[in-house]
C-alpha cells in the first residue's frame, strides 16, 4: 500500500466527518471522505447541539457566523408534570453565556450537514465521495486500504472512522487488537469473521422517539427547553425560531448489553407508530404570550399529538450509551459516535466529536507539518513518525478518552434524573431543584459542565482572536497572531 504522500481516509460524511474535512484542509493535510448515503444532505435525525467548546472551533474554521444565523441559543429550562403543571422555570442554560461567553446552540441536523459541506472549498469537495458503503478496511506497515461495496478502493496513510456507533473502523480496530493478543501471526482476521466483541462497552437502557415540526412562537419561546417529566420517561422540546425538535426518552423494559436485537435498533415508521400513540396525550406546555389560559387555569397546552400532526420527520431508535475501550490501533482511529455514544438528553455528543476531531488533527499535523504538500518546514513522509503513526494516534486516545467518559457519565445521570427512575430522582428533580436558590443550580452546572468545558481544546495551529470571553478564562486559548517584526532601526 505505497502512498505518494500522507493522506487520511475519513469514513463517514456526517457533521463530525465534515468538520474534520475542514480541519484537515486548514492543516494542509490531504484526505478523502467516504459517505455511504447517496447524498450528504439526506434528512435524517432531528437536531444537534453545540456547546461553546465546539462553537470556538467553528470560529477558527471561519464557519461560526454563517451557522449561528440559523441556530438558536438555548437559554432557559421549563419543567412540567404530565398533567401540564409547571414546577420549575430557571434560566440555567444562560449559565453558558456568563461562564463561557456564548450560549449553547441547537441546529437542525440536515441543514447543518449541508451547510458544512457547502462551506468546503471546491478542492475539498472534490475529495468527498457519496454512495460509498465501506465493507472492509485493510492495513499494513505502509498504509491503509478502504474497500467499498461498489468495488472501489481508497488508499491512505491513516483511516479515521466517523461513521457512528456501528463503525466498521471500530470493528477493524477490535479485530487487530484481538489478533495481536492471540497470535503473533501477521495474517489479520476479516471483520466478517471477528464481528464486534466490544459490545460490553455500550449498553442500551433507553429508547428515544424524535420528531421535528414547525415552531409555535406563540406558545414556545425560541431558545427555551421544555421538559415534561414522568416515571421512566421525559419529553424534551427544544424551541427554535422556525423549527422545533422533540425527543421522548423512554426507559426500556430490560437493559440490553451488547445484544444486537436491542442495542442499535432503529425502528421503521410502522414500528415507531405504537410507542408514539401511547404518549400522544402528553402536554408540551408553553407560555401563551397572547394572554390566554386553559379553562383549568394552566398555561395553554400543546400536546404531543399536535406536534405529530404537523411534523416534518419522525423516528425512533434504541440509544446506546458508553465509551469504546480502544479508539486506535496501528493506522486506524475513531472519532465521534464511533468512539462514544451518549444519551442525547444533554446534547454533548456532537461537541465531544468536534473535540475528538480537533485533538486528532492537532496530533497528526505536529508530525506531518504539511507532509506531501510541499509546505515550508514540512516533515518528509519518510520520517519515522509519519511512516508509523501508532504513537501519534495513541496520544490522541490518551488525550480524549477520559473526557469522553466524563461527558457520558453526565449525560447518563441527566436522563435518569429527568426520567424519574426512582423516588430519589423524583425528590431531587421535583422538590430539591425547584426550591433551591438560583445560584445553587448554576453552581451545579458549573461543577458538572463548566470546568470540563473550559478545558476544551482548539486547533493549535490556527491563529485568531478569541470569539467568546466569559467570567472564566479558557485553559487552551486560541493562538494569537504574531505581530510582524518591526523593520525600524534606531
Protein backbone atom coordinates (compact mmCIF):
# COMPACT_ATOMS: atom_id res chain seq x y z
CA UNK A 1 0.00 0.00 0.00
CA UNK A 2 2.58 2.52 -1.07
CA UNK A 3 1.45 6.15 -0.75
CA UNK A 4 2.99 9.03 -2.66
CA UNK A 5 2.14 11.35 0.21
CA UNK A 6 0.39 11.47 3.56
CA UNK A 7 -3.39 11.05 3.27
CA UNK A 8 -6.20 10.46 5.76
CA UNK A 9 -9.24 8.45 4.70
CA UNK A 10 -12.34 9.60 6.62
CA UNK A 11 -15.16 7.08 6.74
CA UNK A 12 -18.46 8.88 7.40
CA UNK A 13 -19.78 12.14 5.97
CA UNK A 14 -21.89 13.29 8.88
CA UNK A 15 -21.26 16.55 10.77
CA UNK A 16 -18.15 15.29 12.62
CA UNK A 17 -16.62 13.85 9.44
CA UNK A 18 -17.29 17.07 7.52
CA UNK A 19 -15.84 19.23 10.28
CA UNK A 20 -12.72 17.09 10.26
CA UNK A 21 -12.52 17.63 6.49
CA UNK A 22 -12.50 21.39 7.20
CA UNK A 23 -9.77 20.92 9.81
CA UNK A 24 -7.55 18.88 7.53
CA UNK A 25 -8.00 21.44 4.75
CA UNK A 26 -6.81 24.18 7.12
CA UNK A 27 -3.91 21.97 8.21
CA UNK A 28 -2.94 21.34 4.56
CA UNK A 29 -3.28 17.57 5.01
CA UNK A 30 -4.61 15.52 2.11
CA UNK A 31 -7.79 13.49 2.70
CA UNK A 32 -10.69 11.68 1.11
CA UNK A 33 -14.10 11.37 2.76
CA UNK A 34 -16.41 8.42 2.07
CA UNK A 35 -20.14 8.68 2.85
CA UNK A 36 -22.40 5.65 2.47
CA UNK A 37 -25.57 7.63 1.71
CA UNK A 38 -26.32 8.84 -1.82
CA UNK A 39 -26.45 12.45 -0.64
CA UNK A 40 -24.63 14.41 2.02
CA UNK A 41 -27.78 16.37 2.89
CA UNK A 42 -30.14 13.45 3.41
CA UNK A 43 -32.68 14.48 6.05
CA UNK A 44 -32.01 12.09 8.92
CA UNK A 45 -32.20 12.84 12.63
CA UNK A 46 -33.64 15.87 14.34
CA UNK A 47 -31.35 18.43 15.98
CA UNK A 48 -27.74 18.73 17.08
CA UNK A 49 -26.39 20.89 19.87
CA UNK A 50 -23.06 22.65 20.11
CA UNK A 51 -21.68 23.94 23.39
CA UNK A 52 -19.24 26.88 23.45
CA UNK A 53 -16.34 24.42 23.22
CA UNK A 54 -17.50 23.30 19.78
CA UNK A 55 -18.50 26.77 18.64
CA UNK A 56 -14.97 28.06 19.29
CA UNK A 57 -13.59 25.53 16.84
CA UNK A 58 -16.18 26.58 14.25
CA UNK A 59 -14.99 30.16 14.73
CA UNK A 60 -11.41 29.09 13.99
CA UNK A 61 -12.60 27.42 10.79
CA UNK A 62 -14.43 30.58 9.69
CA UNK A 63 -17.82 28.85 9.92
CA UNK A 64 -19.31 30.42 13.03
CA UNK A 65 -21.18 33.46 11.73
CA UNK A 66 -22.97 31.61 8.97
CA UNK A 67 -24.06 28.79 11.24
CA UNK A 68 -25.18 30.92 14.19
CA UNK A 69 -27.61 32.75 11.92
CA UNK A 70 -29.66 29.57 11.59
CA UNK A 71 -29.20 28.03 15.03
CA UNK A 72 -30.86 29.12 18.25
CA UNK A 73 -29.15 29.89 21.56
CA UNK A 74 -30.63 27.85 24.40
CA UNK A 75 -31.15 29.98 27.49
CA UNK A 76 -33.95 28.64 29.69
CA UNK A 77 -35.46 25.44 31.16
CA UNK A 78 -39.15 24.94 31.97
CA UNK A 79 -40.25 21.69 33.61
CA UNK A 80 -43.80 20.37 33.94
CA UNK A 81 -45.62 17.29 35.16
CA UNK A 82 -47.64 15.04 32.87
CA UNK A 83 -50.80 16.99 33.73
CA UNK A 84 -49.22 20.22 32.43
CA UNK A 85 -48.37 21.88 35.76
CA UNK A 86 -45.16 23.93 35.71
CA UNK A 87 -43.00 23.16 38.74
CA UNK A 88 -39.66 24.65 37.69
CA UNK A 89 -38.63 27.55 35.46
CA UNK A 90 -34.98 28.54 35.56
CA UNK A 91 -32.61 30.43 33.25
CA UNK A 92 -29.96 27.79 33.92
CA UNK A 93 -28.97 27.37 30.27
CA UNK A 94 -27.95 31.04 30.28
CA UNK A 95 -25.10 29.93 32.51
CA UNK A 96 -23.02 29.15 29.44
CA UNK A 97 -23.04 32.74 28.22
CA UNK A 98 -21.94 34.12 31.58
CA UNK A 99 -19.33 31.45 32.17
CA UNK A 100 -18.02 30.78 28.65
CA UNK A 101 -19.14 33.87 26.73
CA UNK A 102 -21.70 32.14 24.50
CA UNK A 103 -24.94 30.17 24.75
CA UNK A 104 -25.13 26.54 23.74
CA UNK A 105 -26.87 26.41 20.34
CA UNK A 106 -29.27 23.93 18.73
CA UNK A 107 -29.21 23.33 14.96
CA UNK A 108 -31.29 21.34 12.53
CA UNK A 109 -29.14 18.33 11.69
CA UNK A 110 -29.90 18.15 7.97
CA UNK A 111 -29.36 21.87 7.48
CA UNK A 112 -26.12 21.87 9.47
CA UNK A 113 -24.74 18.94 7.50
CA UNK A 114 -25.49 20.62 4.18
CA UNK A 115 -24.06 23.95 5.38
CA UNK A 116 -20.81 22.28 6.45
CA UNK A 117 -20.47 20.66 3.04
CA UNK A 118 -21.32 23.87 1.16
CA UNK A 119 -18.62 25.74 3.09
CA UNK A 120 -15.86 23.41 1.87
CA UNK A 121 -13.59 24.70 -0.86
CA UNK A 122 -14.07 23.28 -4.34
CA UNK A 123 -10.85 21.30 -3.95
CA UNK A 124 -12.06 19.82 -0.65
CA UNK A 125 -15.46 18.97 -2.18
CA UNK A 126 -13.67 17.01 -4.88
CA UNK A 127 -12.31 14.78 -2.10
CA UNK A 128 -15.82 13.91 -0.81
CA UNK A 129 -17.45 10.81 -2.30
CA UNK A 130 -21.05 9.74 -1.64
CA UNK A 131 -22.74 6.35 -2.12
CA UNK A 132 -19.58 4.68 -0.81
CA UNK A 133 -20.53 1.98 1.66
CA UNK A 134 -17.36 0.67 3.26
CA UNK A 135 -17.19 -3.11 3.65
CA UNK A 136 -13.60 -3.66 4.78
CA UNK A 137 -10.51 -1.86 5.98
CA UNK A 138 -7.08 -3.42 5.40
CA UNK A 139 -3.85 -2.18 6.95
CA UNK A 140 -0.16 -2.97 6.73
CA UNK A 141 3.09 -1.25 7.63
CA UNK A 142 2.87 1.03 4.60
CA UNK A 143 -0.70 2.31 4.82
CA UNK A 144 -4.40 1.52 4.71
CA UNK A 145 -6.82 0.44 2.00
CA UNK A 146 -10.55 1.08 2.39
CA UNK A 147 -12.80 -1.13 0.24
CA UNK A 148 -16.35 -0.15 -0.75
CA UNK A 149 -19.26 -2.35 -1.77
CA UNK A 150 -19.12 -1.00 -5.34
CA UNK A 151 -15.60 -2.38 -5.75
CA UNK A 152 -13.71 0.89 -5.38
CA UNK A 153 -10.66 1.12 -3.16
CA UNK A 154 -9.14 4.17 -1.45
CA UNK A 155 -5.61 4.12 -0.11
CA UNK A 156 -4.11 6.33 2.54
CA UNK A 157 -1.76 6.63 5.48
CA UNK A 158 -4.42 6.65 8.24
CA UNK A 159 -8.11 5.74 8.32
CA UNK A 160 -10.46 7.63 10.65
CA UNK A 161 -13.89 6.22 11.42
CA UNK A 162 -16.53 8.93 11.84
CA UNK A 163 -19.46 6.76 10.74
CA UNK A 164 -21.37 6.45 14.01
CA UNK A 165 -21.87 3.86 16.69
CA UNK A 166 -21.95 0.90 14.26
CA UNK A 167 -18.49 1.75 12.98
CA UNK A 168 -16.73 -0.72 10.71
CA UNK A 169 -13.43 1.05 11.52
CA UNK A 170 -14.00 0.36 15.20
CA UNK A 171 -14.65 -3.29 14.34
CA UNK A 172 -11.33 -3.36 12.48
CA UNK A 173 -9.54 -1.85 15.49
CA UNK A 174 -11.04 -4.54 17.73
CA UNK A 175 -10.07 -7.28 15.29
CA UNK A 176 -6.48 -6.07 15.13
CA UNK A 177 -6.27 -5.79 18.92
CA UNK A 178 -7.64 -9.30 19.41
CA UNK A 179 -5.31 -10.73 16.81
CA UNK A 180 -2.31 -9.09 18.46
CA UNK A 181 -3.15 -10.68 21.80
CA UNK A 182 -3.99 -14.14 20.45
CA UNK A 183 -1.23 -14.78 17.96
CA UNK A 184 1.95 -13.35 16.56
CA UNK A 185 0.84 -14.21 13.02
CA UNK A 186 0.83 -11.36 10.50
CA UNK A 187 -2.44 -12.60 8.98
CA UNK A 188 -5.34 -10.36 10.01
CA UNK A 189 -8.82 -11.79 10.61
CA UNK A 190 -11.54 -10.26 8.45
CA UNK A 191 -14.24 -8.11 10.01
CA UNK A 192 -16.88 -10.59 8.88
CA UNK A 193 -15.14 -13.37 10.81
CA UNK A 194 -14.48 -11.46 14.03
CA UNK A 195 -17.62 -9.36 14.42
CA UNK A 196 -17.83 -6.71 17.13
CA UNK A 197 -16.79 -8.01 20.53
CA UNK A 198 -16.76 -4.55 22.08
CA UNK A 199 -20.50 -4.66 22.78
CA UNK A 200 -19.89 -4.61 26.52
CA UNK A 201 -18.68 -1.03 26.17
CA UNK A 202 -22.17 0.03 25.10
CA UNK A 203 -25.40 -0.58 26.98
CA UNK A 204 -28.92 0.20 25.87
CA UNK A 205 -31.44 1.19 28.53
CA UNK A 206 -33.49 3.91 26.83
CA UNK A 207 -35.36 4.39 23.59
CA UNK A 208 -35.64 7.84 22.06
CA UNK A 209 -38.57 8.92 19.89
CA UNK A 210 -37.94 12.13 17.98
CA UNK A 211 -39.61 14.46 15.52
CA UNK A 212 -39.21 17.95 14.09
CA UNK A 213 -42.15 20.26 13.49
CA UNK A 214 -42.89 23.93 12.73
CA UNK A 215 -42.08 26.24 15.62
CA UNK A 216 -45.00 27.54 17.67
CA UNK A 217 -43.73 31.00 18.64
CA UNK A 218 -46.99 31.98 20.32
CA UNK A 219 -46.53 29.12 22.79
CA UNK A 220 -42.89 28.12 22.88
CA UNK A 221 -40.27 30.82 23.35
CA UNK A 222 -37.32 30.25 20.97
CA UNK A 223 -34.25 29.24 22.94
CA UNK A 224 -36.26 27.50 25.67
CA UNK A 225 -36.11 23.84 26.60
CA UNK A 226 -39.46 22.44 27.78
CA UNK A 227 -39.37 19.20 29.78
CA UNK A 228 -42.39 17.04 30.63
CA UNK A 229 -41.35 14.62 33.38
CA UNK A 230 -42.83 11.26 34.35
CA UNK A 231 -41.81 7.93 35.79
CA UNK A 232 -39.23 6.34 33.46
CA UNK A 233 -39.78 8.89 30.69
CA UNK A 234 -39.17 12.54 29.89
CA UNK A 235 -40.27 14.63 26.92
CA UNK A 236 -37.74 17.22 25.76
CA UNK A 237 -38.83 20.02 23.44
CA UNK A 238 -36.22 22.43 22.04
CA UNK A 239 -37.95 25.52 20.69
CA UNK A 240 -36.33 27.08 17.64
CA UNK A 241 -37.17 30.13 15.59
CA UNK A 242 -38.68 28.37 12.56
CA UNK A 243 -38.44 24.70 13.56
CA UNK A 244 -38.67 22.92 16.91
CA UNK A 245 -37.41 19.48 17.87
CA UNK A 246 -38.98 16.96 20.21
CA UNK A 247 -37.38 13.97 21.94
CA UNK A 248 -39.13 11.44 24.15
CA UNK A 249 -36.67 9.41 26.19
CA UNK A 250 -38.34 6.22 27.42
CA UNK A 251 -36.78 3.56 29.61
CA UNK A 252 -36.90 0.11 28.06
CA UNK A 253 -38.38 -2.81 29.96
CA UNK A 254 -34.99 -4.51 30.30
CA UNK A 255 -31.43 -3.36 29.83
CA UNK A 256 -29.61 -4.96 26.91
CA UNK A 257 -25.83 -5.03 26.87
CA UNK A 258 -24.31 -5.91 23.57
CA UNK A 259 -27.48 -7.61 22.28
CA UNK A 260 -27.86 -6.82 18.57
CA UNK A 261 -31.62 -7.28 18.62
CA UNK A 262 -31.93 -4.40 21.09
CA UNK A 263 -28.73 -2.34 21.01
CA UNK A 264 -28.58 -0.10 17.98
CA UNK A 265 -32.07 -0.91 16.79
CA UNK A 266 -33.65 1.68 14.52
CA UNK A 267 -37.42 1.37 14.26
CA UNK A 268 -39.33 1.51 11.00
CA UNK A 269 -42.15 4.04 10.64
CA UNK A 270 -44.70 1.30 11.32
CA UNK A 271 -42.80 0.02 14.38
CA UNK A 272 -42.47 3.53 15.80
CA UNK A 273 -46.19 4.26 15.45
CA UNK A 274 -47.22 2.24 18.50
CA UNK A 275 -44.96 3.97 21.06
CA UNK A 276 -45.89 7.37 19.64
CA UNK A 277 -49.58 6.61 20.09
CA UNK A 278 -49.01 5.60 23.70
CA UNK A 279 -47.60 9.03 24.55
CA UNK A 280 -49.61 11.30 22.24
CA UNK A 281 -51.70 12.70 25.12
CA UNK A 282 -48.68 14.22 26.89
CA UNK A 283 -48.67 18.02 27.06
CA UNK A 284 -45.85 20.11 25.65
CA UNK A 285 -46.72 23.08 27.80
CA UNK A 286 -45.80 26.54 26.60
CA UNK A 287 -46.47 30.10 27.61
CA UNK A 288 -49.36 31.72 25.77
CA UNK A 289 -48.00 35.23 25.30
CA UNK A 290 -51.31 36.21 23.77
CA UNK A 291 -52.66 36.18 27.30
CA UNK A 292 -54.86 33.08 27.04
CA UNK A 293 -55.09 30.24 29.52
CA UNK A 294 -56.87 26.92 29.60
CA UNK A 295 -60.12 26.50 31.48
CA UNK A 296 -58.34 24.92 34.43
CA UNK A 297 -56.01 27.88 34.84
CA UNK A 298 -52.98 26.09 33.45
CA UNK A 299 -50.90 27.50 30.63
CA UNK A 300 -52.26 26.78 27.16
CA UNK A 301 -51.28 23.25 26.20
CA UNK A 302 -49.77 21.95 23.01
CA UNK A 303 -49.85 18.18 23.16
CA UNK A 304 -47.53 15.66 21.62
CA UNK A 305 -50.25 14.65 19.16
CA UNK A 306 -50.30 18.26 17.89
CA UNK A 307 -46.58 18.10 17.11
CA UNK A 308 -47.01 14.78 15.32
CA UNK A 309 -49.91 16.14 13.26
CA UNK A 310 -47.65 18.73 11.64
CA UNK A 311 -44.22 17.07 11.94
CA UNK A 312 -41.68 17.19 9.14
CA UNK A 313 -39.99 13.94 10.07
CA UNK A 314 -40.16 11.44 12.93
CA UNK A 315 -38.27 8.36 14.03
CA UNK A 316 -37.34 6.12 16.92
CA UNK A 317 -34.23 4.23 17.98
CA UNK A 318 -32.79 2.46 20.98
CA UNK A 319 -29.94 4.58 22.31
CA UNK A 320 -26.55 3.08 23.06
CA UNK A 321 -24.57 4.63 25.89
CA UNK A 322 -20.91 4.09 26.52
CA UNK A 323 -17.31 4.69 25.52
CA UNK A 324 -15.31 2.21 23.44
CA UNK A 325 -12.38 0.68 25.28
CA UNK A 326 -9.95 1.21 22.40
CA UNK A 327 -10.05 4.12 19.93
CA UNK A 328 -6.92 3.35 17.90
CA UNK A 329 -4.78 0.52 16.65
CA UNK A 330 -1.91 0.90 14.22
CA UNK A 331 -3.11 3.21 11.44
CA UNK A 332 -6.79 3.31 12.42
CA UNK A 333 -8.64 5.69 14.74
CA UNK A 334 -12.26 6.57 15.54
CA UNK A 335 -13.95 9.85 16.45
CA UNK A 336 -17.43 10.97 17.50
CA UNK A 337 -20.18 8.40 17.97
CA UNK A 338 -17.89 5.67 16.67
CA UNK A 339 -15.82 6.14 19.84
CA UNK A 340 -18.51 7.20 22.30
CA UNK A 341 -22.30 7.31 22.30
CA UNK A 342 -24.15 9.41 24.85
CA UNK A 343 -27.75 9.82 25.80
CA UNK A 344 -28.94 12.80 23.70
CA UNK A 345 -30.57 14.43 26.74
CA UNK A 346 -27.66 16.83 27.30
CA UNK A 347 -26.66 17.29 23.67
CA UNK A 348 -22.97 16.67 24.42
CA UNK A 349 -22.22 14.07 21.75
CA UNK A 350 -21.63 16.39 18.80
CA UNK A 351 -19.41 18.80 20.74
CA UNK A 352 -17.40 15.86 22.05
CA UNK A 353 -16.97 14.64 18.48
CA UNK A 354 -15.72 18.06 17.38
CA UNK A 355 -13.20 17.92 20.21
CA UNK A 356 -12.08 14.47 19.04
CA UNK A 357 -11.52 15.73 15.51
CA UNK A 358 -9.61 18.79 16.73
CA UNK A 359 -7.35 16.77 19.04
CA UNK A 360 -6.61 14.21 16.32
CA UNK A 361 -5.90 16.89 13.70
CA UNK A 362 -3.52 18.63 16.09
CA UNK A 363 -1.59 15.41 16.75
CA UNK A 364 -1.33 14.48 13.07
CA UNK A 365 -0.26 17.95 11.99
CA UNK A 366 2.52 18.06 14.57
CA UNK A 367 4.25 15.13 12.90
CA UNK A 368 3.39 15.79 9.27
CA UNK A 369 3.79 19.57 9.20
CA UNK A 370 2.32 19.56 5.71
CA UNK A 371 4.00 16.35 4.52
CA UNK A 372 3.21 15.61 0.91
CA UNK A 373 2.01 19.16 0.23
CA UNK A 374 5.29 20.96 -0.06
CA UNK A 375 4.70 23.16 2.96
CA UNK A 376 7.74 25.03 4.20
CA UNK A 377 9.40 23.27 7.09
CA UNK A 378 7.34 20.17 6.39
CA UNK A 379 8.47 16.81 7.70
CA UNK A 380 9.32 14.32 4.99
CA UNK A 381 6.86 11.48 4.52
CA UNK A 382 9.72 9.06 5.14
CA UNK A 383 10.17 10.23 8.75
CA UNK A 384 9.52 7.52 11.38
CA UNK A 385 6.56 9.31 12.95
CA UNK A 386 4.78 9.55 9.60
CA UNK A 387 5.67 6.02 8.45
CA UNK A 388 4.41 4.54 11.75
CA UNK A 389 1.70 6.80 13.24
CA UNK A 390 0.86 4.41 16.09
CA UNK A 391 2.28 6.68 18.79
CA UNK A 392 0.52 9.70 17.28
CA UNK A 393 -2.88 8.02 17.44
CA UNK A 394 -2.22 6.64 20.91
CA UNK A 395 -1.56 10.17 22.16
CA UNK A 396 -4.89 11.22 20.70
CA UNK A 397 -6.70 8.42 22.53
CA UNK A 398 -4.96 9.25 25.78
CA UNK A 399 -5.93 12.91 25.48
CA UNK A 400 -9.61 12.32 24.71
CA UNK A 401 -10.92 9.10 26.23
CA UNK A 402 -11.14 10.24 29.86
CA UNK A 403 -13.00 13.41 28.87
CA UNK A 404 -15.48 11.38 26.81
CA UNK A 405 -16.13 9.10 29.77
CA UNK A 406 -16.92 12.14 31.90
CA UNK A 407 -19.36 13.55 29.34
CA UNK A 408 -21.01 10.15 29.03
CA UNK A 409 -21.48 9.98 32.78
CA UNK A 410 -23.05 13.45 32.89
CA UNK A 411 -25.42 12.58 30.04
CA UNK A 412 -26.40 9.28 31.65
CA UNK A 413 -27.11 10.87 35.01
CA UNK A 414 -29.20 13.61 33.44
CA UNK A 415 -31.63 11.34 31.61
CA UNK A 416 -32.03 9.13 34.70
CA UNK A 417 -32.71 12.16 36.85
CA UNK A 418 -35.18 13.71 34.39
CA UNK A 419 -37.00 10.45 33.54
CA UNK A 420 -37.82 9.70 37.15
CA UNK A 421 -36.28 6.32 37.76
CA UNK A 422 -36.87 6.07 41.49
CA UNK A 423 -38.03 8.08 44.47
CA UNK A 424 -34.65 9.72 44.97
CA UNK A 425 -34.54 11.11 41.42
CA UNK A 426 -38.15 12.31 41.76
CA UNK A 427 -37.45 14.06 45.05
CA UNK A 428 -34.35 15.79 43.71
CA UNK A 429 -35.94 16.85 40.41
CA UNK A 430 -39.42 17.75 41.67
CA UNK A 431 -38.67 19.20 45.11
CA UNK A 432 -34.99 19.97 45.72
CA UNK A 433 -34.12 21.77 42.46
CA UNK A 434 -37.29 23.93 42.28
CA UNK A 435 -36.86 25.06 45.88
CA UNK A 436 -33.13 25.64 45.61
CA UNK A 437 -31.88 29.19 45.04
CA UNK A 438 -30.80 30.08 41.51
CA UNK A 439 -27.14 30.30 42.48
CA UNK A 440 -27.19 26.65 43.57
CA UNK A 441 -28.50 25.45 40.20
CA UNK A 442 -25.83 27.48 38.44
CA UNK A 443 -23.17 26.09 40.77
CA UNK A 444 -24.27 22.54 39.92
CA UNK A 445 -23.98 23.31 36.21
CA UNK A 446 -20.59 24.93 36.71
CA UNK A 447 -19.36 21.93 38.65
CA UNK A 448 -20.75 19.32 36.25
CA UNK A 449 -20.11 21.01 32.91
CA UNK A 450 -18.34 24.33 33.23
CA UNK A 451 -14.93 23.28 34.50
CA UNK A 452 -14.85 20.46 31.98
CA UNK A 453 -15.87 22.75 29.14
CA UNK A 454 -13.26 25.40 29.80
CA UNK A 455 -10.55 22.75 29.27
CA UNK A 456 -11.72 22.21 25.69
CA UNK A 457 -9.02 22.03 23.04
CA UNK A 458 -8.78 24.20 19.95
CA UNK A 459 -6.83 23.88 16.72
CA UNK A 460 -3.41 24.88 17.98
CA UNK A 461 -2.10 25.83 14.54
CA UNK A 462 -4.80 28.37 13.62
CA UNK A 463 -4.23 31.87 14.94
CA UNK A 464 -7.08 34.25 15.62
CA UNK A 465 -9.00 36.25 18.16
CA UNK A 466 -10.92 34.59 20.95
CA UNK A 467 -14.61 34.71 19.89
CA UNK A 468 -16.08 34.13 23.37
CA UNK A 469 -14.91 35.70 26.61
CA UNK A 470 -16.73 34.75 29.80
CA UNK A 471 -16.15 35.03 33.50
CA UNK A 472 -13.62 32.16 33.49
CA UNK A 473 -10.68 32.01 31.05
CA UNK A 474 -10.16 29.08 28.69
CA UNK A 475 -7.39 26.68 29.64
CA UNK A 476 -6.38 26.40 25.97
CA UNK A 477 -6.73 29.84 24.39
CA UNK A 478 -6.81 30.29 20.64
CA UNK A 479 -3.28 31.19 19.46
CA UNK A 480 -2.95 34.90 18.87
CA UNK A 481 -1.44 36.23 15.65
CA UNK A 482 2.23 37.06 15.97
CA UNK A 483 2.79 40.73 15.07
CA UNK A 484 5.28 41.28 12.26
CA UNK A 485 8.77 42.23 13.35
CA UNK A 486 9.48 45.93 13.05
CA UNK A 487 11.98 46.92 10.37
CA UNK A 488 12.74 50.24 12.10
CA UNK A 489 16.27 50.64 13.37
CA UNK A 490 17.48 53.08 15.93
